[in-house]
Amino acid sequence: MLNADFVIDRADLVATCAGPAPRRGRDQCNLGAIRGGSVAARDGRIVFVGPADALGRQVAVEPDAVRLDARGCTVVPGFVDPHTHLVYAGDRRDELQQRLAGATYAEIAAAGGGIARTVAATRAASEDELVRLARTRLDEMAAWGTTTCEVKSGYGLTLESELAQLHAIRRLDAEHPVDLVPTFLGAHDVPPEYRGRSDDYVALVVHEMIPKVAEARLAEWCDVFCEEGAFTPEQSAAILRAGARAGLKPRIHADELAASGGARVAAEVGARSADHLVFVDEGAAEALAAAGVCAVLLPIAALYLKLGRYAPARMLIDRGVPVALGTDSNPGAGLSSSMPFAITLACFAMGMTLEEALVAATLNAAWSLDRAEAVGSLEAGKLMDAVVLDGDLTSLIRVGRSPVRAVVTKGRLVVSG
């Protein structure tokens, strides 16, 4: 008989999202739902998922086990946020008011705002300050049910500052219950001192930054912002290939503000994910599907940037591209760290079903980070990362009130409503 020291008991519904990853096409809506279910774990790993009535026959629950009564609730896997920019200093909330008054992303950047403004503040901040500021943001993410998230550098754009951000990510991962996945984004923008000399900056990233980051083992992924005004498809491909040679797996910001060619770069270099994709076309979507690239869609950013459109999730799913969801939490456009809000926008602005959006926020998101063997679904052997929701599954798309009653990471209760 199995032993358990943690039990979520008698939920109205357990949406396990169990099965092979990633989910594509029609399979993306399969939740592996169990009505009247329980989930049990020992030492942070799931040992049982099934009908509550079978728990007592298969599992010996230890006398001092933590036991959550989930009657009237829905249990889902812990959310996996595959695209965030949590480590930074400074405040750009005033730019939201500028956008509401009609200013575009490009106009704000040309006036000294945007990424460059955060770069200046982040370069001036100490590593301790970066950790302190990001810790508060992680606490907020955990309260919304995120148990694993990717975190990028990219607000330093010098070797010293990029390394400081990555060291901050490492420290936060060691001390915070949310698991962090580090990404090097030295190619987030061309820094002011390299304006008009973007090729020189690309050379710095390729020949100096990437080797140092890889040598220190500070990042798992290498990312680049492929966009007009940032990096061309050719520059982006060169950076990602250099990262891959150094052992940093590729992912890319693609086709966010215009059809930049980023999705095609993702397919060419074998990136695990192409992120944003607001302007992706059908031909590029078919290339992504053929190359096995995950589309990480970020509707919160599209909303706050007032782009007037969202990524074509329905088209991507219909063409066999696995779709994941993230918040793009950042100082300028990702002004919400709530995965339930990302799910809501996916359903009402991008044409996804609630089931597809939940899989996108859990199993597919985990796969996009190479974490699907450990998280993203409720299955025996995986980490006990789970979210207990008040009411039924539709509580996820209720705006204005958090649906989260409890959050569990590695079999430990970290949020309790």
Protein backbone atom coordinates (compact mmCIF):
# COMPACT_ATOMS: atom_id res chain seq x y z
CA MET A 1 0.00 0.00 0.00
CA LEU A 2 1.17 3.54 -0.78
CA ASN A 3 1.87 6.04 2.00
CA ALA A 4 0.90 9.73 1.91
CA ASP A 5 1.73 12.77 4.02
CA PHE A 6 -0.40 15.24 2.02
CA VAL A 7 -3.92 14.81 0.64
CA ILE A 8 -6.32 17.00 -1.31
CA ASP A 9 -9.54 15.15 -0.64
CA ARG A 10 -12.96 14.81 -2.27
CA ALA A 11 -12.78 17.58 -4.85
CA ASP A 12 -15.86 17.99 -7.02
CA LEU A 13 -13.50 17.79 -10.00
CA VAL A 14 -9.80 17.05 -10.46
CA ALA A 15 -8.58 18.29 -13.85
CA THR A 16 -5.41 16.19 -14.07
CA CYS A 17 -4.28 17.34 -17.57
CA ALA A 18 -2.50 13.98 -17.55
CA GLY A 19 -0.95 12.44 -20.61
CA PRO A 20 1.88 12.95 -23.08
CA ALA A 21 3.12 16.44 -23.84
CA PRO A 22 2.72 18.62 -25.73
CA ARG A 23 -0.95 18.58 -26.58
CA ARG A 24 -1.83 19.60 -30.16
CA GLY A 25 -5.01 20.17 -32.12
CA ARG A 26 -8.07 18.42 -30.75
CA ASP A 27 -6.02 16.79 -27.99
CA GLN A 28 -5.36 20.18 -26.40
CA CYS A 29 -8.84 20.16 -24.83
CA ASN A 30 -8.39 16.86 -22.95
CA LEU A 31 -8.35 17.55 -19.21
CA GLY A 32 -8.28 13.96 -17.93
CA ALA A 33 -11.03 14.98 -15.51
CA ILE A 34 -11.96 12.94 -12.45
CA ARG A 35 -15.22 13.79 -10.70
CA GLY A 36 -15.21 13.29 -6.95
CA GLY A 37 -11.44 12.92 -6.94
CA SER A 38 -8.53 13.02 -4.52
CA VAL A 39 -4.80 13.60 -4.92
CA ALA A 40 -2.23 12.25 -2.45
CA ALA A 41 1.50 12.78 -2.15
CA ARG A 42 4.49 11.78 -0.09
CA ASP A 43 7.73 13.73 0.21
CA GLY A 44 6.50 16.23 -2.38
CA ARG A 45 5.67 13.66 -5.09
CA ILE A 46 2.23 12.51 -6.15
CA VAL A 47 1.49 8.88 -5.29
CA PHE A 48 -2.23 8.71 -6.06
CA VAL A 49 -4.74 10.50 -8.31
CA GLY A 50 -8.17 8.98 -8.62
CA PRO A 51 -11.68 8.66 -7.22
CA ALA A 52 -11.92 9.69 -3.59
CA ASP A 53 -13.62 6.41 -2.70
CA ALA A 54 -10.50 4.50 -3.83
CA LEU A 55 -8.08 6.55 -1.74
CA GLY A 56 -8.55 4.55 1.45
CA ARG A 57 -8.09 1.23 -0.35
CA GLN A 58 -4.85 2.22 -2.06
CA VAL A 59 -3.19 4.76 0.23
CA ALA A 60 -2.25 4.75 3.89
CA VAL A 61 -2.57 8.36 4.98
CA GLU A 62 -0.13 9.08 7.81
CA PRO A 63 -1.69 10.28 11.08
CA ASP A 64 -0.01 13.69 10.93
CA ALA A 65 -0.60 14.21 7.20
CA VAL A 66 -1.89 17.53 5.92
CA ARG A 67 -5.39 16.98 4.58
CA LEU A 68 -7.28 19.60 2.56
CA ASP A 69 -11.05 19.21 2.28
CA ALA A 70 -11.79 20.13 -1.35
CA ARG A 71 -15.54 19.54 -1.39
CA GLY A 72 -17.16 22.22 -3.51
CA CYS A 73 -13.82 22.86 -5.24
CA THR A 74 -11.93 22.08 -8.44
CA VAL A 75 -8.30 20.98 -8.36
CA VAL A 76 -5.96 21.79 -11.26
CA PRO A 77 -2.20 21.47 -11.75
CA GLY A 78 -0.08 24.35 -10.52
CA PHE A 79 0.14 26.97 -13.25
CA VAL A 80 3.35 27.16 -15.25
CA ASP A 81 4.16 30.65 -16.53
CA PRO A 82 6.61 30.24 -19.44
CA HIS A 83 7.39 33.91 -20.14
CA THR A 84 8.15 36.57 -17.50
CA HIS A 85 10.49 39.51 -16.93
CA LEU A 86 10.32 39.64 -13.13
CA VAL A 87 13.82 40.87 -12.27
CA TYR A 88 14.12 44.60 -12.82
CA ALA A 89 14.16 47.96 -11.07
CA GLY A 90 12.24 51.14 -11.76
CA ASP A 91 8.61 51.98 -12.44
CA ARG A 92 6.95 52.53 -15.85
CA ARG A 93 3.29 52.52 -14.90
CA ASP A 94 2.95 56.07 -16.19
CA GLU A 95 3.49 54.69 -19.69
CA LEU A 96 0.13 52.97 -19.39
CA GLN A 97 -1.49 56.40 -19.10
CA GLN A 98 0.44 57.53 -22.17
CA ARG A 99 -0.91 54.57 -24.15
CA LEU A 100 -4.42 55.31 -22.95
CA ALA A 101 -3.92 58.81 -24.33
CA GLY A 102 -2.96 57.37 -27.72
CA ALA A 103 0.84 56.96 -27.64
CA THR A 104 2.24 53.88 -29.37
CA TYR A 105 4.95 51.51 -28.17
CA ALA A 106 7.38 53.01 -30.70
CA GLU A 107 6.56 56.60 -29.72
CA ILE A 108 7.11 55.92 -26.04
CA ALA A 109 10.43 54.21 -26.79
CA ALA A 110 11.56 57.07 -29.04
CA ALA A 111 10.92 59.50 -26.17
CA GLY A 112 13.26 57.56 -23.87
CA GLY A 113 10.70 55.22 -22.34
CA GLY A 114 10.15 51.53 -22.84
CA ILE A 115 12.88 48.97 -22.30
CA ALA A 116 15.65 51.59 -22.25
CA ARG A 117 14.10 53.27 -19.23
CA THR A 118 14.02 50.03 -17.26
CA VAL A 119 17.58 49.27 -18.37
CA ALA A 120 18.81 52.51 -16.80
CA ALA A 121 17.07 51.76 -13.49
CA THR A 122 18.18 48.13 -13.43
CA ARG A 123 21.82 48.96 -14.14
CA ALA A 124 21.75 51.29 -11.14
CA ALA A 125 20.26 48.69 -8.78
CA SER A 126 22.23 46.27 -6.62
CA GLU A 127 21.72 42.53 -6.84
CA ASP A 128 20.17 42.58 -3.35
CA GLU A 129 17.68 45.21 -4.47
CA LEU A 130 16.76 43.20 -7.55
CA VAL A 131 16.12 40.15 -5.37
CA ARG A 132 14.00 42.15 -2.92
CA LEU A 133 11.85 43.68 -5.65
CA ALA A 134 11.34 40.41 -7.52
CA ARG A 135 10.49 38.48 -4.36
CA THR A 136 7.35 40.59 -3.92
CA ARG A 137 6.34 39.92 -7.53
CA LEU A 138 6.85 36.18 -7.03
CA ASP A 139 4.67 36.25 -3.92
CA GLU A 140 1.90 37.79 -6.01
CA MET A 141 2.31 35.16 -8.73
CA ALA A 142 2.11 32.37 -6.17
CA ALA A 143 -1.12 33.84 -4.79
CA TRP A 144 -2.63 33.47 -8.29
CA GLY A 145 -1.59 29.82 -8.46
CA THR A 146 1.73 29.91 -10.32
CA THR A 147 4.09 27.20 -9.06
CA THR A 148 6.72 27.26 -11.85
CA CYS A 149 7.78 30.22 -13.96
CA GLU A 150 10.43 31.19 -16.45
CA VAL A 151 12.34 34.40 -15.65
CA LYS A 152 14.44 36.34 -18.15
CA SER A 153 17.33 38.72 -17.80
CA GLY A 154 17.41 41.46 -20.43
CA TYR A 155 17.19 44.72 -18.51
CA GLY A 156 20.93 45.21 -18.12
CA LEU A 157 22.36 44.83 -21.63
CA THR A 158 25.90 44.83 -20.25
CA LEU A 159 27.74 41.71 -19.19
CA GLU A 160 27.91 42.83 -15.56
CA SER A 161 24.26 43.75 -15.28
CA GLU A 162 22.99 40.69 -17.13
CA LEU A 163 25.01 38.46 -14.81
CA ALA A 164 23.61 40.33 -11.80
CA GLN A 165 20.05 39.63 -12.95
CA LEU A 166 20.81 35.97 -13.52
CA HIS A 167 22.45 35.68 -10.10
CA ALA A 168 19.31 37.27 -8.62
CA ILE A 169 17.18 34.66 -10.38
CA ARG A 170 19.35 31.88 -8.94
CA ARG A 171 19.01 33.29 -5.42
CA LEU A 172 15.25 33.62 -5.74
CA ASP A 173 14.93 30.07 -7.02
CA ALA A 174 16.79 28.80 -3.96
CA GLU A 175 14.64 30.66 -1.45
CA HIS A 176 11.14 30.92 -2.95
CA PRO A 177 8.54 28.12 -3.24
CA VAL A 178 7.90 28.98 -6.89
CA ASP A 179 10.38 27.11 -9.10
CA LEU A 180 12.24 29.43 -11.47
CA VAL A 181 13.60 28.60 -14.93
CA PRO A 182 16.36 31.08 -15.96
CA THR A 183 16.64 32.56 -19.46
CA PHE A 184 19.41 34.79 -20.81
CA LEU A 185 17.90 37.67 -22.81
CA GLY A 186 20.92 39.87 -23.44
CA ALA A 187 19.38 40.54 -26.87
CA HIS A 188 16.28 42.24 -25.48
CA ASP A 189 17.12 45.56 -27.12
CA VAL A 190 20.07 47.43 -28.54
CA PRO A 191 21.40 49.51 -25.61
CA PRO A 192 21.75 53.28 -26.01
CA GLU A 193 25.54 53.13 -26.25
CA TYR A 194 25.23 50.84 -29.30
CA ARG A 195 22.53 52.73 -31.19
CA GLY A 196 23.34 52.57 -34.88
CA ARG A 197 25.84 49.77 -34.21
CA SER A 198 23.55 46.81 -33.61
CA ASP A 199 25.95 44.36 -35.30
CA ASP A 200 28.63 45.35 -32.79
CA TYR A 201 26.23 44.66 -29.94
CA VAL A 202 25.29 41.29 -31.45
CA ALA A 203 29.01 40.45 -31.53
CA LEU A 204 29.25 41.36 -27.82
CA VAL A 205 26.30 39.08 -27.01
CA VAL A 206 27.68 36.21 -29.10
CA HIS A 207 31.36 36.37 -28.20
CA GLU A 208 31.35 37.71 -24.64
CA MET A 209 27.98 37.44 -22.89
CA ILE A 210 26.87 33.98 -23.99
CA PRO A 211 30.19 32.28 -23.13
CA LYS A 212 30.26 33.88 -19.66
CA VAL A 213 26.64 33.01 -18.92
CA ALA A 214 27.15 29.43 -20.09
CA GLU A 215 30.41 29.03 -18.17
CA ALA A 216 28.71 30.13 -14.95
CA ARG A 217 25.68 27.92 -15.68
CA LEU A 218 23.37 30.79 -14.90
CA ALA A 219 20.79 30.16 -17.63
CA GLU A 220 19.07 27.25 -19.29
CA TRP A 221 17.64 29.15 -22.25
CA CYS A 222 18.74 31.87 -24.67
CA ASP A 223 16.14 34.33 -25.98
CA VAL A 224 16.12 37.25 -28.42
CA PHE A 225 13.63 40.00 -29.32
CA CYS A 226 13.22 39.65 -33.09
CA GLU A 227 11.42 42.86 -34.02
CA GLU A 228 11.92 45.98 -36.08
CA GLY A 229 13.97 48.37 -33.96
CA ALA A 230 15.47 45.47 -32.01
CA PHE A 231 17.08 42.52 -33.84
CA THR A 232 16.67 41.31 -37.41
CA PRO A 233 15.90 37.68 -38.28
CA GLU A 234 19.52 37.19 -39.33
CA GLN A 235 20.89 38.67 -36.10
CA SER A 236 18.38 36.69 -34.06
CA ALA A 237 19.34 33.41 -35.71
CA ALA A 238 23.05 34.12 -35.15
CA ILE A 239 22.46 34.79 -31.44
CA LEU A 240 20.31 31.71 -30.91
CA ARG A 241 22.75 29.45 -32.75
CA ALA A 242 25.60 30.82 -30.65
CA GLY A 243 23.57 30.12 -27.54
CA ALA A 244 22.84 26.58 -28.68
CA ARG A 245 26.53 25.92 -29.30
CA ALA A 246 27.17 26.99 -25.72
CA GLY A 247 24.42 24.75 -24.35
CA LEU A 248 21.66 27.38 -24.00
CA LYS A 249 18.45 26.16 -25.61
CA PRO A 250 16.68 28.63 -27.96
CA ARG A 251 13.37 30.46 -27.59
CA ILE A 252 12.36 33.74 -29.25
CA HIS A 253 10.15 36.82 -29.01
CA ALA A 254 8.49 36.69 -32.42
CA ASP A 255 6.02 38.70 -34.52
CA GLU A 256 4.69 40.75 -31.61
CA LEU A 257 4.41 44.26 -33.06
CA ALA A 258 4.53 43.32 -36.75
CA ALA A 259 5.33 40.36 -38.98
CA SER A 260 9.02 40.35 -38.04
CA GLY A 261 10.02 36.92 -39.36
CA GLY A 262 10.65 35.67 -35.85
CA ALA A 263 8.39 32.64 -36.16
CA ARG A 264 10.30 31.43 -39.20
CA VAL A 265 13.57 31.90 -37.30
CA ALA A 266 12.15 29.75 -34.51
CA ALA A 267 11.40 26.97 -36.98
CA GLU A 268 14.80 27.27 -38.68
CA VAL A 269 16.86 27.06 -35.49
CA GLY A 270 14.65 24.49 -33.76
CA ALA A 271 13.56 26.77 -30.93
CA ARG A 272 11.40 25.21 -28.25
CA SER A 273 9.08 28.22 -28.24
CA ALA A 274 8.10 31.24 -30.29
CA ASP A 275 6.45 33.81 -28.02
CA HIS A 276 3.80 36.52 -28.67
CA LEU A 277 2.98 35.72 -32.35
CA VAL A 278 0.36 38.45 -32.60
CA PHE A 279 1.14 38.91 -36.31
CA VAL A 280 2.03 35.32 -37.26
CA ASP A 281 0.60 34.17 -40.60
CA GLU A 282 -0.62 30.76 -41.72
CA GLY A 283 2.57 29.87 -43.57
CA ALA A 284 4.72 30.60 -40.52
CA ALA A 285 2.27 28.66 -38.34
CA GLU A 286 2.68 25.62 -40.56
CA ALA A 287 6.46 25.97 -40.28
CA LEU A 288 6.15 26.06 -36.49
CA ALA A 289 3.99 22.93 -36.51
CA ALA A 290 6.42 21.07 -38.77
CA ALA A 291 9.38 22.02 -36.57
CA GLY A 292 7.61 21.13 -33.32
CA VAL A 293 7.82 24.68 -31.90
CA CYS A 294 5.47 25.65 -29.08
CA ALA A 295 3.52 28.89 -29.47
CA VAL A 296 3.67 30.77 -26.16
CA LEU A 297 0.86 33.32 -26.37
CA LEU A 298 0.76 36.39 -24.11
CA PRO A 299 -2.65 38.08 -24.33
CA ILE A 300 -2.10 40.29 -21.27
CA ALA A 301 0.71 42.09 -23.10
CA ALA A 302 -1.46 42.56 -26.20
CA LEU A 303 -4.16 44.06 -24.00
CA TYR A 304 -1.94 46.54 -22.15
CA LEU A 305 -0.03 47.51 -25.30
CA LYS A 306 -3.38 48.30 -26.99
CA LEU A 307 -2.29 46.41 -30.10
CA GLY A 308 -5.87 46.11 -31.32
CA ARG A 309 -5.45 42.41 -31.99
CA TYR A 310 -4.38 39.18 -30.30
CA ALA A 311 -2.41 36.15 -31.39
CA PRO A 312 -4.50 33.85 -33.63
CA ALA A 313 -4.72 30.98 -31.18
CA ARG A 314 -7.53 29.22 -33.04
CA MET A 315 -5.55 29.20 -36.27
CA LEU A 316 -2.42 27.92 -34.51
CA ILE A 317 -4.28 25.10 -32.78
CA ASP A 318 -6.08 24.12 -35.98
CA ARG A 319 -2.69 23.83 -37.74
CA GLY A 320 -1.27 21.53 -35.10
CA VAL A 321 0.92 24.00 -33.21
CA PRO A 322 1.01 23.25 -29.44
CA VAL A 323 -0.15 26.41 -27.67
CA ALA A 324 0.94 27.58 -24.21
CA LEU A 325 -0.06 30.66 -22.24
CA GLY A 326 2.02 33.06 -20.12
CA THR A 327 1.61 36.43 -18.44
CA ASP A 328 4.65 38.30 -19.82
CA SER A 329 4.79 39.97 -16.40
CA ASN A 330 7.04 43.00 -16.93
CA PRO A 331 7.31 46.68 -16.01
CA GLY A 332 5.80 48.15 -19.17
CA ALA A 333 3.16 45.92 -20.72
CA GLY A 334 2.65 42.81 -18.60
CA LEU A 335 0.87 44.54 -15.77
CA SER A 336 -0.73 41.41 -14.38
CA SER A 337 0.95 38.30 -13.02
CA SER A 338 -2.33 36.37 -12.95
CA MET A 339 -2.45 33.18 -14.98
CA PRO A 340 -6.25 33.03 -14.48
CA PHE A 341 -6.43 36.44 -16.21
CA ALA A 342 -4.30 35.12 -19.08
CA ILE A 343 -6.70 32.15 -19.33
CA THR A 344 -9.68 34.52 -19.37
CA LEU A 345 -8.26 36.60 -22.22
CA ALA A 346 -7.32 33.45 -24.12
CA CYS A 347 -10.95 32.36 -24.00
CA PHE A 348 -12.65 35.66 -24.73
CA ALA A 349 -10.11 37.41 -26.98
CA MET A 350 -8.31 34.53 -28.73
CA GLY A 351 -11.06 31.99 -29.32
CA MET A 352 -9.75 29.20 -27.09
CA THR A 353 -12.00 26.95 -25.08
CA LEU A 354 -11.57 26.88 -21.33
CA GLU A 355 -10.18 23.36 -21.53
CA GLU A 356 -7.63 24.32 -24.18
CA ALA A 357 -6.57 27.35 -22.16
CA LEU A 358 -6.07 25.31 -18.98
CA VAL A 359 -3.86 22.79 -20.80
CA ALA A 360 -1.99 25.75 -22.32
CA ALA A 361 -1.35 27.16 -18.83
CA THR A 362 -0.18 23.86 -17.36
CA LEU A 363 1.04 20.87 -19.38
CA ASN A 364 1.94 22.69 -22.62
CA ALA A 365 3.57 25.53 -20.72
CA ALA A 366 5.63 23.00 -18.77
CA TRP A 367 6.69 21.31 -22.01
CA SER A 368 7.76 24.65 -23.46
CA LEU A 369 10.24 24.88 -20.56
CA ASP A 370 11.37 21.24 -20.65
CA ARG A 371 9.58 20.60 -17.36
CA ALA A 372 6.71 18.34 -18.44
CA GLU A 373 8.32 15.28 -16.84
CA ALA A 374 8.03 16.92 -13.42
CA VAL A 375 5.16 19.44 -13.49
CA GLY A 376 2.18 20.58 -15.55
CA SER A 377 -0.18 17.72 -14.72
CA LEU A 378 -1.42 15.76 -11.74
CA GLU A 379 0.08 12.30 -12.24
CA ALA A 380 1.81 9.78 -10.00
CA GLY A 381 5.54 10.51 -9.85
CA LYS A 382 5.27 14.20 -10.63
CA LEU A 383 5.72 17.00 -8.13
CA MET A 384 2.70 17.74 -5.96
CA ASP A 385 2.08 21.19 -7.44
CA ALA A 386 -1.63 21.96 -7.41
CA VAL A 387 -4.19 24.75 -7.16
CA VAL A 388 -7.51 24.37 -5.36
CA LEU A 389 -10.18 26.59 -6.94
CA ASP A 390 -13.40 27.71 -5.32
CA GLY A 391 -16.35 26.30 -7.25
CA ASP A 392 -16.24 24.78 -10.70
CA LEU A 393 -13.75 25.31 -13.52
CA THR A 394 -15.48 28.45 -14.75
CA SER A 395 -14.28 30.25 -11.63
CA LEU A 396 -10.98 30.61 -13.52
CA ILE A 397 -12.56 33.10 -15.92
CA ARG A 398 -14.33 35.22 -13.32
CA VAL A 399 -12.68 38.64 -13.33
CA GLY A 400 -12.44 40.75 -10.17
CA ARG A 401 -12.16 37.99 -7.61
CA SER A 402 -9.41 35.44 -7.19
CA PRO A 403 -10.64 31.87 -7.67
CA VAL A 404 -7.70 30.45 -5.70
CA ARG A 405 -8.47 28.85 -2.35
CA ALA A 406 -5.12 27.07 -1.88
CA VAL A 407 -1.78 26.63 -3.65
CA VAL A 408 0.49 23.63 -3.07
CA THR A 409 4.11 23.34 -4.18
CA LYS A 410 6.04 20.09 -3.70
CA GLY A 411 3.44 18.84 -1.27
CA ARG A 412 3.56 21.95 0.88
CA LEU A 413 0.72 24.40 1.40
CA VAL A 414 2.09 27.84 0.46
CA VAL A 415 -1.13 29.82 -0.08
CA SER A 416 -4.33 29.31 1.88
CA GLY A 417 -7.40 31.46 1.37
